[in-house]
Amino acid sequence: MTRTLDIRNLCLRLPDTARPVLDGVDLHIAAGETVALVGESGSGKSLTARTVLRLLPKGAETEGAVEVAGENVLALDPQQLRALRTGRVAMIFQDPRAAINPLRRVGDFLTESVRLTGAMSEPDATRRAAELLTAVGLDASVLRRHPGQLSGGMLQRVMIAAALMGDPVLLLADEPTTALDVTSQAEVVALIGELKERFDTGLLFVTHDLGLAAAISDRVYVMYAGRIVETGPAATLFTDPRHPYTLALLAATPRLAAPGGRLAAIDGQPPDLRHELTGCSFAPRCRFATQLCTTQAPEPQSAPGAPGHLAACHHSDRLEESAADA
């Protein structure tokens, strides 16, 4: 199967940190596949997505490989990187109002990248923008409006149209429904899924909403403290979690049918970037942790009878009973 995105052993360091912010990340997406990346705020999800476009903080140092359609993004020169950002890969950001210039018309925003790179003439770019606005459920008259004249849901649809202007092979959606109401969230998620199928685009969907990840993704990666701690098909990962962190996240998810009382919470705090990590990064917060967990970092291991389901835990075999009770 052709991989649209292939991240291998990605490490990213920032100034004044004692350990990598991203530590040995492995992640891949096939053409037309939807992959969710989930975890707590600060776990490294958005930074992983931004690394694909090399939208990195000042002073960042990277190791490993990030390949889009076989080409290593980390080795591209500025001209090649610009071509990547305006064509093969596109990103939908969390807050559309922060991503769109409020002083310019929507039509200028949608067509700017393809016009400046010479990929399309101005008439062709305008025609393409109008077609995409129609595809996302908006009228072509939106081209003449300013962002302040549109609702949050409409602006996020504009962002989706902008992401598709260059016919990307990979779409990075960084919590694109966070700033929207529940109804708009459902509409935008359905729209992204429909357009992904229509254009056969690989999709990395970054979210902290486990229910949403389960509903839209083919496979899921669970990230904690810059490391992938579990990955597998969405159909099995949420029904049979093999890592204590995934189990704890699921236990903390609100449910309508749940008994009364306080919601479950994960005790403790994520590890501080100013301190080195030894052993499993989740060990200080894990009820299954032993001395081995504090001294030796676990390697991803396959779950018995579950191809493609991997968990980096020394005690995955102890989770089956707990998962059944969650």
C-alpha atoms as a PDB file:
ATOM      1  CA  MET A   1       0.000   0.000   0.000  1.00  0.00           C
ATOM      2  CA  THR A   2       1.389   3.410  -1.013  1.00  0.00           C
ATOM      3  CA  ARG A   3       2.134   5.670   1.947  1.00  0.00           C
ATOM      4  CA  THR A   4       1.152   9.302   1.595  1.00  0.00           C
ATOM      5  CA  LEU A   5       2.897  10.143   4.875  1.00  0.00           C
ATOM      6  CA  ASP A   6       5.682   8.156   6.490  1.00  0.00           C
ATOM      7  CA  ILE A   7       7.237   9.436   9.734  1.00  0.00           C
ATOM      8  CA  ARG A   8      10.087   7.325  11.079  1.00  0.00           C
ATOM      9  CA  ASN A   9      11.906   7.783  14.397  1.00  0.00           C
ATOM     10  CA  LEU A  10      11.177  11.516  14.460  1.00  0.00           C
ATOM     11  CA  CYS A  11      12.888  13.401  17.272  1.00  0.00           C
ATOM     12  CA  LEU A  12      12.490  17.131  17.787  1.00  0.00           C
ATOM     13  CA  ARG A  13      14.357  19.215  20.337  1.00  0.00           C
ATOM     14  CA  LEU A  14      13.735  22.793  21.372  1.00  0.00           C
ATOM     15  CA  PRO A  15      16.123  25.179  23.144  1.00  0.00           C
ATOM     16  CA  ASP A  16      16.119  25.013  26.954  1.00  0.00           C
ATOM     17  CA  THR A  17      14.515  21.570  27.131  1.00  0.00           C
ATOM     18  CA  ALA A  18      16.210  18.583  28.750  1.00  0.00           C
ATOM     19  CA  ARG A  19      14.551  15.986  26.529  1.00  0.00           C
ATOM     20  CA  PRO A  20      13.062  15.800  23.036  1.00  0.00           C
ATOM     21  CA  VAL A  21       9.597  17.279  22.608  1.00  0.00           C
ATOM     22  CA  LEU A  22       8.962  14.524  20.053  1.00  0.00           C
ATOM     23  CA  ASP A  23      10.810  11.348  20.935  1.00  0.00           C
ATOM     24  CA  GLY A  24      11.064   8.593  18.323  1.00  0.00           C
ATOM     25  CA  VAL A  25       7.681   9.121  16.669  1.00  0.00           C
ATOM     26  CA  ASP A  26       6.649   6.568  14.026  1.00  0.00           C
ATOM     27  CA  LEU A  27       3.450   7.258  12.081  1.00  0.00           C
ATOM     28  CA  HIS A  28       2.188   6.514   8.580  1.00  0.00           C
ATOM     29  CA  ILE A  29      -0.866   7.255   6.450  1.00  0.00           C
ATOM     30  CA  ALA A  30      -1.888   5.516   3.243  1.00  0.00           C
ATOM     31  CA  ALA A  31      -3.606   7.226   0.319  1.00  0.00           C
ATOM     32  CA  GLY A  32      -7.251   7.885   1.152  1.00  0.00           C
ATOM     33  CA  GLU A  33      -6.790   6.788   4.781  1.00  0.00           C
ATOM     34  CA  THR A  34      -7.947   8.717   7.850  1.00  0.00           C
ATOM     35  CA  VAL A  35      -5.628   8.528  10.846  1.00  0.00           C
ATOM     36  CA  ALA A  36      -6.407  10.151  14.194  1.00  0.00           C
ATOM     37  CA  LEU A  37      -3.711  11.407  16.571  1.00  0.00           C
ATOM     38  CA  VAL A  38      -5.069  11.722  20.115  1.00  0.00           C
ATOM     39  CA  GLY A  39      -3.763  12.658  23.551  1.00  0.00           C
ATOM     40  CA  GLU A  40      -3.774  15.344  26.228  1.00  0.00           C
ATOM     41  CA  SER A  41      -2.952  18.969  25.500  1.00  0.00           C
ATOM     42  CA  GLY A  42       0.823  19.360  25.343  1.00  0.00           C
ATOM     43  CA  SER A  43       1.485  15.767  24.315  1.00  0.00           C
ATOM     44  CA  GLY A  44       2.996  16.836  20.968  1.00  0.00           C
ATOM     45  CA  LYS A  45       0.081  16.223  18.587  1.00  0.00           C
ATOM     46  CA  SER A  46       0.011  19.632  16.882  1.00  0.00           C
ATOM     47  CA  LEU A  47       3.811  19.792  16.737  1.00  0.00           C
ATOM     48  CA  THR A  48       3.856  16.435  14.952  1.00  0.00           C
ATOM     49  CA  ALA A  49       1.425  17.765  12.344  1.00  0.00           C
ATOM     50  CA  ARG A  50       3.370  21.010  11.933  1.00  0.00           C
ATOM     51  CA  THR A  51       6.620  19.107  11.424  1.00  0.00           C
ATOM     52  CA  VAL A  52       5.147  17.657   8.218  1.00  0.00           C
ATOM     53  CA  LEU A  53       5.164  21.212   6.827  1.00  0.00           C
ATOM     54  CA  ARG A  54       8.290  22.227   8.749  1.00  0.00           C
ATOM     55  CA  LEU A  55       6.337  24.897  10.587  1.00  0.00           C
ATOM     56  CA  LEU A  56       8.660  24.635  13.569  1.00  0.00           C
ATOM     57  CA  PRO A  57       9.566  26.963  16.455  1.00  0.00           C
ATOM     58  CA  LYS A  58      12.775  28.934  16.239  1.00  0.00           C
ATOM     59  CA  GLY A  59      15.810  26.873  17.192  1.00  0.00           C
ATOM     60  CA  ALA A  60      14.106  23.513  16.683  1.00  0.00           C
ATOM     61  CA  GLU A  61      16.376  20.594  15.786  1.00  0.00           C
ATOM     62  CA  THR A  62      15.048  17.457  14.110  1.00  0.00           C
ATOM     63  CA  GLU A  63      16.260  13.925  13.505  1.00  0.00           C
ATOM     64  CA  GLY A  64      14.663  11.047  11.650  1.00  0.00           C
ATOM     65  CA  ALA A  65      12.560  11.130   8.488  1.00  0.00           C
ATOM     66  CA  VAL A  66       9.291  12.770   7.487  1.00  0.00           C
ATOM     67  CA  GLU A  67       8.361  11.657   3.976  1.00  0.00           C
ATOM     68  CA  VAL A  68       5.415  12.818   1.883  1.00  0.00           C
ATOM     69  CA  ALA A  69       4.895  10.570  -1.145  1.00  0.00           C
ATOM     70  CA  GLY A  70       8.477   9.328  -0.734  1.00  0.00           C
ATOM     71  CA  GLU A  71      10.137  12.766  -0.439  1.00  0.00           C
ATOM     72  CA  ASN A  72      11.881  13.699   2.832  1.00  0.00           C
ATOM     73  CA  VAL A  73      10.414  17.007   4.005  1.00  0.00           C
ATOM     74  CA  LEU A  74      13.279  17.640   6.431  1.00  0.00           C
ATOM     75  CA  ALA A  75      15.775  17.715   3.530  1.00  0.00           C
ATOM     76  CA  LEU A  76      13.869  20.074   1.182  1.00  0.00           C
ATOM     77  CA  ASP A  77      15.362  23.410   0.152  1.00  0.00           C
ATOM     78  CA  PRO A  78      13.213  26.569   0.540  1.00  0.00           C
ATOM     79  CA  GLN A  79      11.815  26.443  -2.997  1.00  0.00           C
ATOM     80  CA  GLN A  80      10.867  22.781  -2.703  1.00  0.00           C
ATOM     81  CA  LEU A  81       9.329  23.405   0.716  1.00  0.00           C
ATOM     82  CA  ARG A  82       7.188  26.209  -0.666  1.00  0.00           C
ATOM     83  CA  ALA A  83       5.947  23.909  -3.435  1.00  0.00           C
ATOM     84  CA  LEU A  84       5.059  21.299  -0.822  1.00  0.00           C
ATOM     85  CA  ARG A  85       3.097  23.796   1.293  1.00  0.00           C
ATOM     86  CA  THR A  86       1.125  25.199  -1.640  1.00  0.00           C
ATOM     87  CA  GLY A  87       0.413  21.922  -3.381  1.00  0.00           C
ATOM     88  CA  ARG A  88       0.885  18.436  -1.969  1.00  0.00           C
ATOM     89  CA  VAL A  89       0.167  19.097   1.712  1.00  0.00           C
ATOM     90  CA  ALA A  90      -2.410  21.420   3.274  1.00  0.00           C
ATOM     91  CA  MET A  91      -3.372  22.199   6.862  1.00  0.00           C
ATOM     92  CA  ILE A  92      -6.659  23.148   8.515  1.00  0.00           C
ATOM     93  CA  PHE A  93      -5.941  25.060  11.738  1.00  0.00           C
ATOM     94  CA  GLN A  94      -7.958  25.133  14.962  1.00  0.00           C
ATOM     95  CA  ASP A  95      -9.206  28.720  14.809  1.00  0.00           C
ATOM     96  CA  PRO A  96     -10.186  29.975  11.340  1.00  0.00           C
ATOM     97  CA  ARG A  97     -10.468  33.577  12.552  1.00  0.00           C
ATOM     98  CA  ALA A  98      -6.792  33.523  13.507  1.00  0.00           C
ATOM     99  CA  ALA A  99      -5.763  31.988  10.178  1.00  0.00           C
ATOM    100  CA  ILE A 100      -7.574  34.324   7.785  1.00  0.00           C
ATOM    101  CA  ASN A 101      -6.634  37.989   7.316  1.00  0.00           C
ATOM    102  CA  PRO A 102      -9.759  39.926   8.408  1.00  0.00           C
ATOM    103  CA  LEU A 103      -8.934  42.858   6.102  1.00  0.00           C
ATOM    104  CA  ARG A 104      -8.957  40.896   2.852  1.00  0.00           C
ATOM    105  CA  ARG A 105     -11.833  39.314   0.975  1.00  0.00           C
ATOM    106  CA  VAL A 106     -12.314  35.565   1.119  1.00  0.00           C
ATOM    107  CA  GLY A 107     -11.626  35.279  -2.613  1.00  0.00           C
ATOM    108  CA  ASP A 108      -8.173  36.823  -2.181  1.00  0.00           C
ATOM    109  CA  PHE A 109      -7.409  34.408   0.652  1.00  0.00           C
ATOM    110  CA  LEU A 110      -8.470  31.351  -1.332  1.00  0.00           C
ATOM    111  CA  THR A 111      -6.605  32.174  -4.533  1.00  0.00           C
ATOM    112  CA  GLU A 112      -3.444  33.840  -3.229  1.00  0.00           C
ATOM    113  CA  SER A 113      -1.193  30.759  -2.965  1.00  0.00           C
ATOM    114  CA  VAL A 114      -1.937  29.321  -6.412  1.00  0.00           C
ATOM    115  CA  ARG A 115      -1.691  32.759  -8.054  1.00  0.00           C
ATOM    116  CA  LEU A 116       1.631  33.694  -6.467  1.00  0.00           C
ATOM    117  CA  THR A 117       3.210  30.363  -7.336  1.00  0.00           C
ATOM    118  CA  GLY A 118       1.948  30.521 -10.897  1.00  0.00           C
ATOM    119  CA  ALA A 119       0.049  27.245 -10.525  1.00  0.00           C
ATOM    120  CA  MET A 120      -3.105  28.925 -11.898  1.00  0.00           C
ATOM    121  CA  SER A 121      -4.040  32.102 -13.684  1.00  0.00           C
ATOM    122  CA  GLU A 122      -6.300  34.510 -11.800  1.00  0.00           C
ATOM    123  CA  PRO A 123      -9.473  33.507 -13.733  1.00  0.00           C
ATOM    124  CA  ASP A 124      -8.737  29.802 -13.258  1.00  0.00           C
ATOM    125  CA  ALA A 125      -7.991  30.297  -9.563  1.00  0.00           C
ATOM    126  CA  THR A 126     -11.254  32.203  -9.048  1.00  0.00           C
ATOM    127  CA  ARG A 127     -13.178  29.500 -10.888  1.00  0.00           C
ATOM    128  CA  ARG A 128     -11.535  26.788  -8.793  1.00  0.00           C
ATOM    129  CA  ALA A 129     -12.283  28.687  -5.565  1.00  0.00           C
ATOM    130  CA  ALA A 130     -15.943  29.053  -6.535  1.00  0.00           C
ATOM    131  CA  GLU A 131     -16.176  25.319  -7.273  1.00  0.00           C
ATOM    132  CA  LEU A 132     -14.652  24.409  -3.916  1.00  0.00           C
ATOM    133  CA  LEU A 133     -16.925  26.802  -2.023  1.00  0.00           C
ATOM    134  CA  THR A 134     -19.859  25.041  -3.635  1.00  0.00           C
ATOM    135  CA  ALA A 135     -18.336  21.675  -2.673  1.00  0.00           C
ATOM    136  CA  VAL A 136     -18.146  22.722   0.994  1.00  0.00           C
ATOM    137  CA  GLY A 137     -21.725  23.937   0.991  1.00  0.00           C
ATOM    138  CA  LEU A 138     -21.214  27.681   0.491  1.00  0.00           C
ATOM    139  CA  ASP A 139     -22.280  30.030  -2.275  1.00  0.00           C
ATOM    140  CA  ALA A 140     -19.749  31.538  -4.673  1.00  0.00           C
ATOM    141  CA  SER A 141     -20.870  34.984  -3.478  1.00  0.00           C
ATOM    142  CA  VAL A 142     -18.749  34.324  -0.368  1.00  0.00           C
ATOM    143  CA  LEU A 143     -15.711  35.172  -2.522  1.00  0.00           C
ATOM    144  CA  ARG A 144     -16.635  38.858  -2.258  1.00  0.00           C
ATOM    145  CA  ARG A 145     -17.197  38.887   1.489  1.00  0.00           C
ATOM    146  CA  HIS A 146     -14.811  39.651   4.342  1.00  0.00           C
ATOM    147  CA  PRO A 147     -14.213  37.106   7.149  1.00  0.00           C
ATOM    148  CA  GLY A 148     -16.107  39.246   9.650  1.00  0.00           C
ATOM    149  CA  GLN A 149     -19.275  38.726   7.629  1.00  0.00           C
ATOM    150  CA  LEU A 150     -19.166  34.935   8.096  1.00  0.00           C
ATOM    151  CA  SER A 151     -19.952  32.679  11.045  1.00  0.00           C
ATOM    152  CA  GLY A 152     -17.359  30.392  12.631  1.00  0.00           C
ATOM    153  CA  GLY A 153     -18.763  27.357  10.843  1.00  0.00           C
ATOM    154  CA  MET A 154     -18.704  29.149   7.498  1.00  0.00           C
ATOM    155  CA  LEU A 155     -15.113  30.270   8.058  1.00  0.00           C
ATOM    156  CA  GLN A 156     -14.012  26.734   8.829  1.00  0.00           C
ATOM    157  CA  ARG A 157     -15.615  25.636   5.543  1.00  0.00           C
ATOM    158  CA  VAL A 158     -13.606  28.363   3.830  1.00  0.00           C
ATOM    159  CA  MET A 159     -10.464  26.957   5.478  1.00  0.00           C
ATOM    160  CA  ILE A 160     -11.297  23.503   4.122  1.00  0.00           C
ATOM    161  CA  ALA A 161     -11.813  24.935   0.633  1.00  0.00           C
ATOM    162  CA  ALA A 162      -8.471  26.748   0.901  1.00  0.00           C
ATOM    163  CA  ALA A 163      -6.749  23.519   1.930  1.00  0.00           C
ATOM    164  CA  LEU A 164      -8.062  21.782  -1.201  1.00  0.00           C
ATOM    165  CA  MET A 165      -7.066  24.529  -3.658  1.00  0.00           C
ATOM    166  CA  GLY A 166      -3.781  22.829  -4.554  1.00  0.00           C
ATOM    167  CA  ASP A 167      -5.208  19.273  -4.843  1.00  0.00           C
ATOM    168  CA  PRO A 168      -3.159  17.998  -1.868  1.00  0.00           C
ATOM    169  CA  VAL A 169      -2.295  14.348  -1.388  1.00  0.00           C
ATOM    170  CA  LEU A 170      -2.260  14.897   2.380  1.00  0.00           C
ATOM    171  CA  LEU A 171      -4.554  16.967   4.592  1.00  0.00           C
ATOM    172  CA  LEU A 172      -3.539  17.889   8.151  1.00  0.00           C
ATOM    173  CA  ALA A 173      -6.521  18.803  10.341  1.00  0.00           C
ATOM    174  CA  ASP A 174      -5.364  20.263  13.670  1.00  0.00           C
ATOM    175  CA  GLU A 175      -8.457  20.088  15.897  1.00  0.00           C
ATOM    176  CA  PRO A 176     -10.558  21.828  13.221  1.00  0.00           C
ATOM    177  CA  THR A 177     -13.793  21.659  15.239  1.00  0.00           C
ATOM    178  CA  THR A 178     -12.516  23.058  18.557  1.00  0.00           C
ATOM    179  CA  ALA A 179     -13.881  26.590  18.031  1.00  0.00           C
ATOM    180  CA  LEU A 180     -17.277  25.443  16.701  1.00  0.00           C
ATOM    181  CA  ASP A 181     -20.616  24.634  18.294  1.00  0.00           C
ATOM    182  CA  VAL A 182     -21.775  21.001  18.359  1.00  0.00           C
ATOM    183  CA  THR A 183     -23.967  21.257  15.256  1.00  0.00           C
ATOM    184  CA  SER A 184     -21.245  22.931  13.216  1.00  0.00           C
ATOM    185  CA  GLN A 185     -18.719  20.370  14.460  1.00  0.00           C
ATOM    186  CA  ALA A 186     -20.794  17.504  13.095  1.00  0.00           C
ATOM    187  CA  GLU A 187     -21.265  19.247   9.752  1.00  0.00           C
ATOM    188  CA  VAL A 188     -17.561  20.040   9.349  1.00  0.00           C
ATOM    189  CA  VAL A 189     -16.457  16.508  10.270  1.00  0.00           C
ATOM    190  CA  ALA A 190     -18.924  14.988   7.809  1.00  0.00           C
ATOM    191  CA  LEU A 191     -17.749  17.425   5.140  1.00  0.00           C
ATOM    192  CA  ILE A 192     -14.062  16.615   5.658  1.00  0.00           C
ATOM    193  CA  GLY A 193     -14.803  12.912   5.388  1.00  0.00           C
ATOM    194  CA  GLU A 194     -16.842  13.361   2.215  1.00  0.00           C
ATOM    195  CA  LEU A 195     -14.206  15.509   0.516  1.00  0.00           C
ATOM    196  CA  LYS A 196     -11.412  13.158   1.558  1.00  0.00           C
ATOM    197  CA  GLU A 197     -13.180  10.296  -0.199  1.00  0.00           C
ATOM    198  CA  ARG A 198     -13.908  12.445  -3.235  1.00  0.00           C
ATOM    199  CA  PHE A 199     -10.307  13.598  -3.679  1.00  0.00           C
ATOM    200  CA  ASP A 200      -8.640  10.379  -2.328  1.00  0.00           C
ATOM    201  CA  THR A 201      -6.645  12.481   0.138  1.00  0.00           C
ATOM    202  CA  GLY A 202      -4.818  11.059   3.144  1.00  0.00           C
ATOM    203  CA  LEU A 203      -5.991  12.724   6.372  1.00  0.00           C
ATOM    204  CA  LEU A 204      -4.227  13.218   9.707  1.00  0.00           C
ATOM    205  CA  PHE A 205      -6.896  14.299  12.183  1.00  0.00           C
ATOM    206  CA  VAL A 206      -5.452  15.745  15.408  1.00  0.00           C
ATOM    207  CA  THR A 207      -7.952  15.736  18.269  1.00  0.00           C
ATOM    208  CA  HIS A 208      -8.407  15.209  21.997  1.00  0.00           C
ATOM    209  CA  ASP A 209     -11.981  13.977  21.415  1.00  0.00           C
ATOM    210  CA  LEU A 210     -11.812  10.165  21.603  1.00  0.00           C
ATOM    211  CA  GLY A 211     -15.410   9.724  20.466  1.00  0.00           C
ATOM    212  CA  LEU A 212     -14.754  11.772  17.370  1.00  0.00           C
ATOM    213  CA  ALA A 213     -11.542   9.864  16.656  1.00  0.00           C
ATOM    214  CA  ALA A 214     -13.386   6.551  16.928  1.00  0.00           C
ATOM    215  CA  ALA A 215     -16.136   7.750  14.603  1.00  0.00           C
ATOM    216  CA  ILE A 216     -14.081   9.092  11.704  1.00  0.00           C
ATOM    217  CA  SER A 217     -10.725   7.304  11.642  1.00  0.00           C
ATOM    218  CA  ASP A 218      -9.440   4.063  10.146  1.00  0.00           C
ATOM    219  CA  ARG A 219      -6.507   3.909  12.560  1.00  0.00           C
ATOM    220  CA  VAL A 220      -5.557   5.766  15.737  1.00  0.00           C
ATOM    221  CA  TYR A 221      -2.261   6.818  17.315  1.00  0.00           C
ATOM    222  CA  VAL A 222      -2.241   7.663  21.037  1.00  0.00           C
ATOM    223  CA  MET A 223       0.480  10.126  22.045  1.00  0.00           C
ATOM    224  CA  TYR A 224       1.832  10.899  25.498  1.00  0.00           C
ATOM    225  CA  ALA A 225       4.798  13.141  26.370  1.00  0.00           C
ATOM    226  CA  GLY A 226       6.023  13.204  22.766  1.00  0.00           C
ATOM    227  CA  ARG A 227       5.909   9.424  22.303  1.00  0.00           C
ATOM    228  CA  ILE A 228       3.450   7.144  20.528  1.00  0.00           C
ATOM    229  CA  VAL A 229       2.311   4.790  23.287  1.00  0.00           C
ATOM    230  CA  GLU A 230      -0.345   2.850  21.360  1.00  0.00           C
ATOM    231  CA  THR A 231      -1.581   2.490  17.808  1.00  0.00           C
ATOM    232  CA  GLY A 232      -4.079   0.278  16.066  1.00  0.00           C
ATOM    233  CA  PRO A 233      -7.321   0.070  14.069  1.00  0.00           C
ATOM    234  CA  ALA A 234      -9.986   2.337  15.526  1.00  0.00           C
ATOM    235  CA  ALA A 235     -12.403  -0.593  15.692  1.00  0.00           C
ATOM    236  CA  THR A 236     -10.183  -2.482  18.170  1.00  0.00           C
ATOM    237  CA  LEU A 237      -8.081   0.135  19.932  1.00  0.00           C
ATOM    238  CA  PHE A 238     -11.029   1.676  21.779  1.00  0.00           C
ATOM    239  CA  THR A 239     -12.700  -1.636  22.610  1.00  0.00           C
ATOM    240  CA  ASP A 240      -9.506  -3.402  23.686  1.00  0.00           C
ATOM    241  CA  PRO A 241      -6.915  -0.833  24.817  1.00  0.00           C
ATOM    242  CA  ARG A 242      -3.457  -2.253  25.515  1.00  0.00           C
ATOM    243  CA  HIS A 243      -1.827   0.749  27.213  1.00  0.00           C
ATOM    244  CA  PRO A 244      -2.772   2.169  30.648  1.00  0.00           C
ATOM    245  CA  TYR A 245      -2.854   5.722  29.259  1.00  0.00           C
ATOM    246  CA  THR A 246      -5.414   4.804  26.586  1.00  0.00           C
ATOM    247  CA  LEU A 247      -7.434   2.964  29.227  1.00  0.00           C
ATOM    248  CA  ALA A 248      -7.329   6.020  31.527  1.00  0.00           C
ATOM    249  CA  LEU A 249      -8.396   8.370  28.724  1.00  0.00           C
ATOM    250  CA  LEU A 250     -11.363   6.156  27.901  1.00  0.00           C
ATOM    251  CA  ALA A 251     -12.341   5.931  31.571  1.00  0.00           C
ATOM    252  CA  ALA A 252     -12.311   9.756  31.776  1.00  0.00           C
ATOM    253  CA  THR A 253     -14.614  10.152  28.758  1.00  0.00           C
ATOM    254  CA  PRO A 254     -18.109  11.397  29.773  1.00  0.00           C
ATOM    255  CA  ARG A 255     -20.935   8.973  28.943  1.00  0.00           C
ATOM    256  CA  LEU A 256     -24.691   9.538  29.071  1.00  0.00           C
ATOM    257  CA  ALA A 257     -25.216   6.073  30.503  1.00  0.00           C
ATOM    258  CA  ALA A 258     -22.469   6.372  33.128  1.00  0.00           C
ATOM    259  CA  PRO A 259     -23.399   6.140  36.829  1.00  0.00           C
ATOM    260  CA  GLY A 260     -23.581   9.321  38.876  1.00  0.00           C
ATOM    261  CA  GLY A 261     -20.658  10.832  40.738  1.00  0.00           C
ATOM    262  CA  ARG A 262     -17.393  12.466  39.762  1.00  0.00           C
ATOM    263  CA  LEU A 263     -15.773  11.763  36.420  1.00  0.00           C
ATOM    264  CA  ALA A 264     -12.672   9.622  36.468  1.00  0.00           C
ATOM    265  CA  ALA A 265      -9.427  11.588  36.225  1.00  0.00           C
ATOM    266  CA  ILE A 266      -5.783  10.749  35.604  1.00  0.00           C
ATOM    267  CA  ASP A 267      -3.799  11.538  38.738  1.00  0.00           C
ATOM    268  CA  GLY A 268      -0.621  13.586  38.506  1.00  0.00           C
ATOM    269  CA  GLN A 269       0.772  15.763  35.734  1.00  0.00           C
ATOM    270  CA  PRO A 270       2.533  15.132  32.397  1.00  0.00           C
ATOM    271  CA  PRO A 271       6.351  15.103  32.688  1.00  0.00           C
ATOM    272  CA  ASP A 272       8.165  18.415  32.688  1.00  0.00           C
ATOM    273  CA  LEU A 273      10.255  19.142  29.574  1.00  0.00           C
ATOM    274  CA  ARG A 274      12.959  20.581  31.829  1.00  0.00           C
ATOM    275  CA  HIS A 275      13.733  17.133  33.218  1.00  0.00           C
ATOM    276  CA  GLU A 276      15.075  13.996  31.578  1.00  0.00           C
ATOM    277  CA  LEU A 277      12.859  10.924  31.322  1.00  0.00           C
ATOM    278  CA  THR A 278      13.938   7.488  32.438  1.00  0.00           C
ATOM    279  CA  GLY A 279      11.826   4.459  31.737  1.00  0.00           C
ATOM    280  CA  CYS A 280       8.179   4.753  30.704  1.00  0.00           C
ATOM    281  CA  SER A 281       6.977   8.358  30.490  1.00  0.00           C
ATOM    282  CA  PHE A 282       3.574   7.407  31.950  1.00  0.00           C
ATOM    283  CA  ALA A 283       4.965   5.397  34.896  1.00  0.00           C
ATOM    284  CA  PRO A 284       4.526   8.134  37.573  1.00  0.00           C
ATOM    285  CA  ARG A 285       0.771   8.273  36.817  1.00  0.00           C
ATOM    286  CA  CYS A 286       0.186   4.567  36.121  1.00  0.00           C
ATOM    287  CA  ARG A 287      -1.442   2.178  38.603  1.00  0.00           C
ATOM    288  CA  PHE A 288       0.216  -0.781  36.855  1.00  0.00           C
ATOM    289  CA  ALA A 289       3.773   0.589  37.120  1.00  0.00           C
ATOM    290  CA  THR A 290       6.581  -1.496  38.601  1.00  0.00           C
ATOM    291  CA  GLN A 291      10.279  -0.929  39.153  1.00  0.00           C
ATOM    292  CA  LEU A 292      10.919  -2.093  35.586  1.00  0.00           C
ATOM    293  CA  CYS A 293       8.729   0.739  34.251  1.00  0.00           C
ATOM    294  CA  THR A 294      10.795   3.412  36.000  1.00  0.00           C
ATOM    295  CA  THR A 295      14.114   2.184  34.633  1.00  0.00           C
ATOM    296  CA  GLN A 296      13.447   0.792  31.156  1.00  0.00           C
ATOM    297  CA  ALA A 297      11.449   2.430  28.373  1.00  0.00           C
ATOM    298  CA  PRO A 298       9.094  -0.141  26.799  1.00  0.00           C
ATOM    299  CA  GLU A 299       9.240  -0.958  23.095  1.00  0.00           C
ATOM    300  CA  PRO A 300       6.030  -1.255  21.031  1.00  0.00           C
ATOM    301  CA  GLN A 301       4.740  -4.827  21.102  1.00  0.00           C
ATOM    302  CA  SER A 302       1.973  -6.438  19.053  1.00  0.00           C
ATOM    303  CA  ALA A 303      -1.233  -7.335  20.832  1.00  0.00           C
ATOM    304  CA  PRO A 304      -1.987 -11.086  20.658  1.00  0.00           C
ATOM    305  CA  GLY A 305      -4.275 -11.878  17.740  1.00  0.00           C
ATOM    306  CA  ALA A 306      -4.540  -8.214  16.703  1.00  0.00           C
ATOM    307  CA  PRO A 307      -2.380  -7.391  13.648  1.00  0.00           C
ATOM    308  CA  GLY A 308      -1.307  -3.751  13.541  1.00  0.00           C
ATOM    309  CA  HIS A 309      -2.262  -3.113  17.176  1.00  0.00           C
ATOM    310  CA  LEU A 310       0.892  -2.054  19.054  1.00  0.00           C
ATOM    311  CA  ALA A 311       1.394  -0.814  22.602  1.00  0.00           C
ATOM    312  CA  ALA A 312       4.560   0.402  24.321  1.00  0.00           C
ATOM    313  CA  CYS A 313       3.877  -1.083  27.757  1.00  0.00           C
ATOM    314  CA  HIS A 314       5.614  -3.684  29.906  1.00  0.00           C
ATOM    315  CA  HIS A 315       2.298  -4.854  31.357  1.00  0.00           C
ATOM    316  CA  SER A 316      -0.181  -4.887  28.472  1.00  0.00           C
ATOM    317  CA  ASP A 317      -1.247  -8.376  29.512  1.00  0.00           C
ATOM    318  CA  ARG A 318      -2.609  -6.975  32.793  1.00  0.00           C
ATOM    319  CA  LEU A 319      -4.989  -4.561  31.103  1.00  0.00           C
ATOM    320  CA  GLU A 320      -7.555  -6.971  29.671  1.00  0.00           C
ATOM    321  CA  GLU A 321      -9.583  -7.295  32.862  1.00  0.00           C
ATOM    322  CA  SER A 322      -9.391  -3.549  33.591  1.00  0.00           C
ATOM    323  CA  ALA A 323     -10.507  -2.685  30.040  1.00  0.00           C
ATOM    324  CA  ALA A 324     -13.529  -4.914  30.424  1.00  0.00           C
ATOM    325  CA  ASP A 325     -14.536  -3.062  33.601  1.00  0.00           C
ATOM    326  CA  ALA A 326     -14.015   0.452  32.141  1.00  0.00           C
END
